[in-house]
Protein backbone atom coordinates (compact mmCIF):
# COMPACT_ATOMS: atom_id res chain seq x y z
CA THR A 1 -4.27 21.17 4.70
CA PRO A 2 -2.37 20.89 8.07
CA ASP A 3 -5.36 22.68 9.50
CA ARG A 4 -7.40 19.85 8.84
CA TYR A 5 -4.81 17.12 9.57
CA ARG A 6 -4.57 18.74 13.32
CA GLU A 7 -8.33 18.28 13.40
CA ILE A 8 -8.37 14.60 12.60
CA GLN A 9 -5.36 14.28 14.89
CA GLN A 10 -7.06 15.62 17.65
CA ALA A 11 -10.08 13.66 17.30
CA LEU A 12 -7.76 10.42 17.36
CA ALA A 13 -6.02 12.03 20.54
CA GLU A 14 -9.27 12.33 21.98
CA LYS A 15 -10.08 9.05 21.73
CA GLY A 16 -6.93 7.52 22.86
CA TYR A 17 -5.13 6.40 19.36
CA LEU A 18 -2.48 9.09 18.94
CA LYS A 19 -0.61 9.64 21.60
CA SER A 20 1.74 12.95 20.64
CA GLU A 21 0.39 16.13 20.57
CA PRO A 22 -1.52 17.08 17.05
CA THR A 23 0.88 18.65 14.85
CA GLY A 24 -0.89 19.29 11.75
CA GLN A 25 1.58 17.08 9.69
CA TRP A 26 0.44 13.68 8.96
CA ASN A 27 3.41 11.43 9.86
CA ALA A 28 3.91 7.69 10.86
CA ASP A 29 2.34 8.12 14.23
CA SER A 30 -0.59 9.30 12.76
CA ILE A 31 -0.83 6.50 10.17
CA GLU A 32 -0.22 4.13 12.96
CA ALA A 33 -2.99 5.78 15.49
CA MET A 34 -5.88 5.73 12.02
CA ARG A 35 -5.17 1.95 11.57
CA ARG A 36 -5.66 1.05 14.92
CA PHE A 37 -8.47 3.53 15.20
CA GLN A 38 -10.00 1.91 11.86
CA GLN A 39 -9.22 -1.61 13.13
CA ASP A 40 -11.72 -1.13 16.06
CA GLN A 41 -13.75 0.33 14.45
CA ASN A 42 -14.28 -2.76 11.31
CA LEU A 43 -13.07 -0.20 8.82
CA ASP A 44 -10.54 -1.50 6.03
CA ALA A 45 -7.12 -0.92 8.47
CA THR A 46 -5.18 1.24 6.42
CA GLY A 47 -4.28 3.98 8.23
CA LYS A 48 -5.19 6.14 5.28
CA LEU A 49 -7.94 9.15 5.60
CA ASP A 50 -11.06 7.89 3.98
CA SER A 51 -14.45 9.31 4.57
CA LEU A 52 -15.88 6.10 6.59
CA SER A 53 -12.95 7.00 8.74
CA LEU A 54 -13.91 10.28 9.15
CA ILE A 55 -17.23 9.92 9.74
CA ALA A 56 -16.65 7.41 12.22
CA LEU A 57 -14.04 9.98 14.02
CA GLY A 58 -17.26 12.57 13.83
CA LEU A 59 -15.55 14.43 11.56
CA GLY A 60 -17.50 13.89 8.44
CA PRO A 61 -19.15 16.61 6.05
CA LYS A 62 -20.80 19.54 8.03
CA ARG A 63 -24.25 20.11 7.07
CA THR A 64 -26.80 22.48 8.36
CA ALA A 65 -30.78 21.55 9.01
CA THR A 66 -32.69 23.71 7.28
CA ALA A 67 -36.40 23.08 7.11
CA GLN A 68 -37.89 22.88 3.75
CA VAL A 69 -41.73 24.45 3.19
CA ARG A 70 -43.95 22.56 0.61
CA PRO A 71 -46.61 24.26 -1.23
CA GLN A 72 -50.05 22.71 -0.10
């Protein structure tokens, strides 16, 4: 979605990879920024969105910590 693209672009911009404003459209600037980020992270530098890249950006799955009580 455009909101998710904007979130990813914002993360790339904060890390200095994306020089343009986050627009919510995955364009050539976004692909190149992601490719350079992936290369620096020793990931497959395709410029495509994948789970390892999103996790490296800090945008992986959101999990809530819940305590589990075990019966004794």
